[in-house]
Amino acid sequence: MLVSAPESVRAARAYAREFVAYRWPDLGTDQADTVELVVSELVTNAVRYGTEPGDSVLVGLSGTAARVRVEVRAPVRRRPSLKRVSRERERGRGLFIVDALAERWGVVDRPFGKTVWAEVAR
């Protein structure tokens, strides 16, 4: 569990990198980097749009022989969405990155928030 703060994104990336190296030592560098980037984007999104001050986010990683699943739980139920790219807006591209890198992704509503998940091919 991470406090909802910008510095938690770095902690989530470090956790993903260490977990992937331990759990799947045979995973290629490109796939490991992809998992780390997906974690980074989902946690950034959760911190910016899925939490209120004082909230926490939870990062989970699991996998099968074919894919690694990233899950980020946040207490705000507002669903993330792909927004049109705009030259005026400097933010809002994270889900496009996730959409491009993941085999699939989605959102599951929870009684107290939501889980945004993505699956990366191994």
Protein backbone atom coordinates (compact mmCIF):
# COMPACT_ATOMS: atom_id res chain seq x y z
CA MET A 1 0.00 0.00 0.00
CA LEU A 2 1.30 3.43 -0.97
CA VAL A 3 0.26 6.87 0.20
CA SER A 4 -1.38 8.89 -2.54
CA ALA A 5 1.50 11.22 -3.39
CA PRO A 6 3.62 11.85 -6.50
CA GLU A 7 6.71 10.27 -4.89
CA SER A 8 4.79 6.99 -4.56
CA VAL A 9 5.04 6.53 -8.33
CA ARG A 10 8.81 6.06 -7.99
CA ALA A 11 8.28 3.60 -5.15
CA ALA A 12 5.76 1.65 -7.26
CA ARG A 13 8.23 1.43 -10.17
CA ALA A 14 10.96 0.17 -7.83
CA TYR A 15 8.57 -2.40 -6.36
CA ALA A 16 7.57 -3.60 -9.83
CA ARG A 17 11.19 -3.86 -10.97
CA GLU A 18 12.23 -5.85 -7.87
CA PHE A 19 9.14 -8.07 -7.88
CA VAL A 20 9.46 -8.93 -11.57
CA ALA A 21 13.19 -9.73 -11.19
CA TYR A 22 12.41 -12.03 -8.25
CA ARG A 23 9.21 -13.67 -9.51
CA TRP A 24 10.06 -13.97 -13.21
CA PRO A 25 13.85 -13.92 -13.59
CA ASP A 26 13.50 -15.25 -17.15
CA LEU A 27 11.38 -12.28 -18.24
CA GLY A 28 13.10 -10.29 -20.96
CA THR A 29 14.29 -6.76 -20.36
CA ASP A 30 11.72 -5.31 -22.77
CA GLN A 31 8.82 -7.04 -21.02
CA ALA A 32 10.12 -6.08 -17.56
CA ASP A 33 10.44 -2.45 -18.69
CA THR A 34 6.91 -2.60 -20.09
CA VAL A 35 5.51 -3.89 -16.79
CA GLU A 36 7.35 -1.14 -14.93
CA LEU A 37 6.00 1.54 -17.28
CA VAL A 38 2.43 0.23 -17.01
CA VAL A 39 2.70 0.26 -13.20
CA SER A 40 4.03 3.81 -13.36
CA GLU A 41 1.22 5.07 -15.58
CA LEU A 42 -1.56 3.36 -13.60
CA VAL A 43 -0.23 4.58 -10.25
CA THR A 44 0.22 8.10 -11.61
CA ASN A 45 -3.38 8.03 -12.82
CA ALA A 46 -4.58 6.72 -9.44
CA VAL A 47 -2.68 9.38 -7.50
CA ARG A 48 -3.84 12.24 -9.74
CA TYR A 49 -7.45 11.27 -10.36
CA GLY A 50 -8.41 8.30 -8.17
CA THR A 51 -7.65 9.52 -4.68
CA GLU A 52 -8.28 12.34 -2.26
CA PRO A 53 -5.70 13.75 0.19
CA GLY A 54 -4.80 11.16 2.80
CA ASP A 55 -5.87 8.17 0.65
CA SER A 56 -3.73 5.21 -0.35
CA VAL A 57 -3.34 3.10 -3.47
CA LEU A 58 -2.55 -0.59 -3.64
CA VAL A 59 -0.37 -2.13 -6.36
CA GLY A 60 -0.60 -5.84 -7.15
CA LEU A 61 1.29 -7.99 -9.63
CA SER A 62 0.43 -11.53 -10.62
CA GLY A 63 0.97 -13.64 -13.66
CA THR A 64 0.71 -16.77 -15.71
CA ALA A 65 3.03 -18.36 -18.24
CA ALA A 66 1.57 -16.02 -20.88
CA ARG A 67 1.13 -12.65 -19.17
CA VAL A 68 1.80 -10.37 -16.20
CA ARG A 69 -1.23 -8.70 -14.64
CA VAL A 70 -0.89 -5.29 -13.00
CA GLU A 71 -3.63 -4.09 -10.66
CA VAL A 72 -3.88 -0.68 -9.01
CA ARG A 73 -6.66 -0.12 -6.48
CA ALA A 74 -7.83 3.38 -5.60
CA PRO A 75 -10.70 4.54 -3.36
CA VAL A 76 -12.41 6.92 -5.81
CA ARG A 77 -14.88 5.15 -8.12
CA ARG A 78 -14.56 7.66 -10.97
CA ARG A 79 -13.54 5.56 -13.98
CA PRO A 80 -10.50 6.49 -16.06
CA SER A 81 -11.02 7.06 -19.75
CA LEU A 82 -9.02 7.75 -22.87
CA LYS A 83 -9.28 11.45 -23.59
CA ARG A 84 -8.58 13.15 -26.89
CA VAL A 85 -5.00 14.29 -27.20
CA SER A 86 -4.72 18.05 -27.03
CA ARG A 87 -1.79 20.38 -27.60
CA GLU A 88 -3.07 22.56 -24.76
CA ARG A 89 -3.15 19.76 -22.21
CA GLU A 90 0.16 18.43 -20.91
CA ARG A 91 -1.41 15.47 -19.11
CA GLY A 92 -3.80 12.73 -20.05
CA ARG A 93 -1.66 10.43 -22.17
CA GLY A 94 -1.01 7.71 -19.58
CA LEU A 95 -3.91 5.49 -20.56
CA PHE A 96 -2.88 5.76 -24.22
CA ILE A 97 0.51 4.38 -23.19
CA VAL A 98 -1.15 1.57 -21.21
CA ASP A 99 -3.51 0.86 -24.11
CA ALA A 100 -0.58 0.61 -26.53
CA LEU A 101 1.59 -1.62 -24.31
CA ALA A 102 -0.95 -3.94 -22.68
CA GLU A 103 -2.75 -6.82 -24.36
CA ARG A 104 -5.86 -5.54 -22.63
CA TRP A 105 -6.88 -3.39 -19.69
CA GLY A 106 -10.00 -2.50 -17.81
CA VAL A 107 -11.68 -1.30 -14.64
CA VAL A 108 -13.48 -3.27 -11.94
CA ASP A 109 -15.73 -1.41 -9.51
CA ARG A 110 -15.25 -2.30 -5.86
CA PRO A 111 -17.44 -1.50 -2.85
CA PHE A 112 -14.92 1.18 -1.81
CA GLY A 113 -13.34 2.34 -5.05
CA LYS A 114 -12.07 0.58 -8.14
CA THR A 115 -9.26 -1.53 -9.54
CA VAL A 116 -7.66 -0.57 -12.83
CA TRP A 117 -5.86 -3.54 -14.34
CA ALA A 118 -3.70 -4.27 -17.37
CA GLU A 119 -2.17 -7.45 -18.76
CA VAL A 120 1.25 -7.43 -20.40
CA ALA A 121 2.39 -10.33 -22.60
CA ARG A 122 5.34 -12.35 -21.31
